[in-house]
Amino acid sequence: MAAYTIGEVKRLLKLEVHTIRYWVQEIPLIQPQKDRVGRRLYSDQDLQLLFRLKYLLHDRRFTLEGARDQLFRELAGDYQDLRAQIAALRSELVGLYFLVRDGKMSIEGKPG
């Protein structure tokens, strides 16, 4: 997992450090970790969220509150999609379990 210092994030986003820190304070989805000496380290996900936030604020002209709400909506949609995929996979696994248990299919996936 990559970890970016605030200086690297500043250069990548072309923003001032105080702006990045303010956004992090206002958007709880962005959660940089601190290293042993207390420096903030931003993950790939943090960086993606910051890029998306910059786009919403600067290009789409959202307010900070509106951008925060939009990020939550986007992530909630991804979460629901992921839950649906997990549920479908779980159903498929249960079906395969019963096929194997009842001897209708071998472990190798071939009809028994």
Protein backbone atom coordinates (compact mmCIF):
# COMPACT_ATOMS: atom_id res chain seq x y z
CA MET A 1 0.00 0.00 0.00
CA ALA A 2 1.38 3.36 -0.99
CA ALA A 3 1.60 6.13 1.57
CA TYR A 4 1.97 9.75 0.58
CA THR A 5 3.24 12.58 2.75
CA ILE A 6 1.33 15.85 2.82
CA GLY A 7 4.10 17.40 0.71
CA GLU A 8 3.60 14.76 -1.99
CA VAL A 9 -0.18 15.22 -1.83
CA LYS A 10 0.32 18.99 -2.14
CA ARG A 11 2.41 18.54 -5.30
CA LEU A 12 0.03 15.99 -6.84
CA LEU A 13 -3.11 18.03 -6.17
CA LYS A 14 -1.47 21.42 -6.71
CA LEU A 15 -3.07 22.73 -3.52
CA GLU A 16 -1.80 24.41 -0.40
CA VAL A 17 -1.21 22.31 2.70
CA HIS A 18 -3.72 24.31 4.75
CA THR A 19 -6.42 23.55 2.15
CA ILE A 20 -5.70 19.82 2.29
CA ARG A 21 -5.76 19.83 6.10
CA TYR A 22 -9.05 21.74 6.11
CA TRP A 23 -10.62 19.27 3.70
CA VAL A 24 -9.43 16.35 5.83
CA GLN A 25 -10.96 18.00 8.89
CA GLU A 26 -14.30 18.54 7.11
CA ILE A 27 -14.54 15.22 5.20
CA PRO A 28 -14.43 12.27 7.64
CA LEU A 29 -13.98 9.82 4.76
CA ILE A 30 -10.39 11.00 4.38
CA GLN A 31 -8.38 9.54 7.23
CA PRO A 32 -4.62 9.88 6.94
CA GLN A 33 -2.66 7.75 9.35
CA LYS A 34 0.29 9.07 11.34
CA ASP A 35 3.72 7.50 11.26
CA ARG A 36 5.99 7.04 14.27
CA VAL A 37 7.06 10.68 14.27
CA GLY A 38 3.56 12.05 13.78
CA ARG A 39 3.62 12.86 10.06
CA ARG A 40 0.35 12.34 8.22
CA LEU A 41 0.47 9.61 5.60
CA TYR A 42 -2.27 9.48 2.98
CA SER A 43 -3.33 6.17 1.44
CA ASP A 44 -4.23 5.60 -2.21
CA GLN A 45 -7.90 5.77 -1.20
CA ASP A 46 -7.33 9.07 0.62
CA LEU A 47 -5.61 10.44 -2.47
CA GLN A 48 -8.44 9.29 -4.75
CA LEU A 49 -10.98 10.96 -2.48
CA LEU A 50 -8.95 14.18 -2.44
CA PHE A 51 -8.74 14.20 -6.25
CA ARG A 52 -12.49 13.60 -6.50
CA LEU A 53 -13.15 16.32 -3.92
CA LYS A 54 -10.97 18.78 -5.82
CA TYR A 55 -12.87 17.99 -9.01
CA LEU A 56 -16.24 18.49 -7.33
CA LEU A 57 -15.18 21.77 -5.71
CA HIS A 58 -13.11 23.35 -8.47
CA ASP A 59 -14.61 22.00 -11.69
CA ARG A 60 -18.20 21.21 -10.77
CA ARG A 61 -18.44 24.21 -8.38
CA PHE A 62 -19.95 22.27 -5.47
CA THR A 63 -19.88 23.75 -2.00
CA LEU A 64 -17.81 21.77 0.50
CA GLU A 65 -20.99 20.48 2.12
CA GLY A 66 -22.44 19.49 -1.25
CA ALA A 67 -19.21 17.76 -2.27
CA ARG A 68 -19.13 15.87 1.04
CA ASP A 69 -22.71 14.70 0.50
CA GLN A 70 -21.89 13.66 -3.07
CA LEU A 71 -18.89 11.61 -1.90
CA PHE A 72 -21.07 9.86 0.69
CA ARG A 73 -23.69 9.09 -1.99
CA GLU A 74 -21.07 7.72 -4.35
CA LEU A 75 -19.50 5.53 -1.70
CA ALA A 76 -22.88 4.32 -0.46
CA GLY A 77 -23.71 3.24 -4.02
CA ASP A 78 -20.42 1.33 -4.28
CA TYR A 79 -21.13 -0.27 -0.90
CA GLN A 80 -24.61 -1.40 -1.99
CA ASP A 81 -23.18 -2.86 -5.22
CA LEU A 82 -20.56 -4.71 -3.23
CA ARG A 83 -23.18 -6.07 -0.81
CA ALA A 84 -25.27 -7.33 -3.75
CA GLN A 85 -22.22 -9.05 -5.28
CA ILE A 86 -21.38 -10.70 -1.96
CA ALA A 87 -24.97 -11.90 -1.53
CA ALA A 88 -24.99 -13.39 -5.04
CA LEU A 89 -21.66 -15.12 -4.43
CA ARG A 90 -22.88 -16.46 -1.09
CA SER A 91 -25.99 -17.93 -2.76
CA GLU A 92 -23.88 -19.55 -5.45
CA LEU A 93 -21.53 -21.05 -2.84
CA VAL A 94 -24.43 -22.45 -0.83
CA GLY A 95 -25.85 -24.01 -3.99
CA LEU A 96 -22.48 -25.59 -4.82
CA TYR A 97 -22.13 -26.86 -1.26
CA PHE A 98 -25.44 -28.72 -1.51
CA LEU A 99 -24.52 -30.16 -4.91
CA VAL A 100 -21.24 -31.50 -3.51
CA ARG A 101 -22.86 -32.68 -0.25
CA ASP A 102 -25.61 -34.55 -2.08
CA GLY A 103 -23.07 -36.22 -4.37
CA LYS A 104 -24.38 -34.57 -7.52
CA MET A 105 -21.00 -32.98 -8.20
CA SER A 106 -17.45 -34.02 -7.37
CA ILE A 107 -15.02 -31.71 -5.63
CA GLU A 108 -13.33 -31.05 -8.97
CA GLY A 109 -16.55 -29.50 -10.28
CA LYS A 110 -17.54 -32.40 -12.52
CA PRO A 111 -20.90 -34.17 -12.32
CA GLY A 112 -20.59 -37.04 -9.86
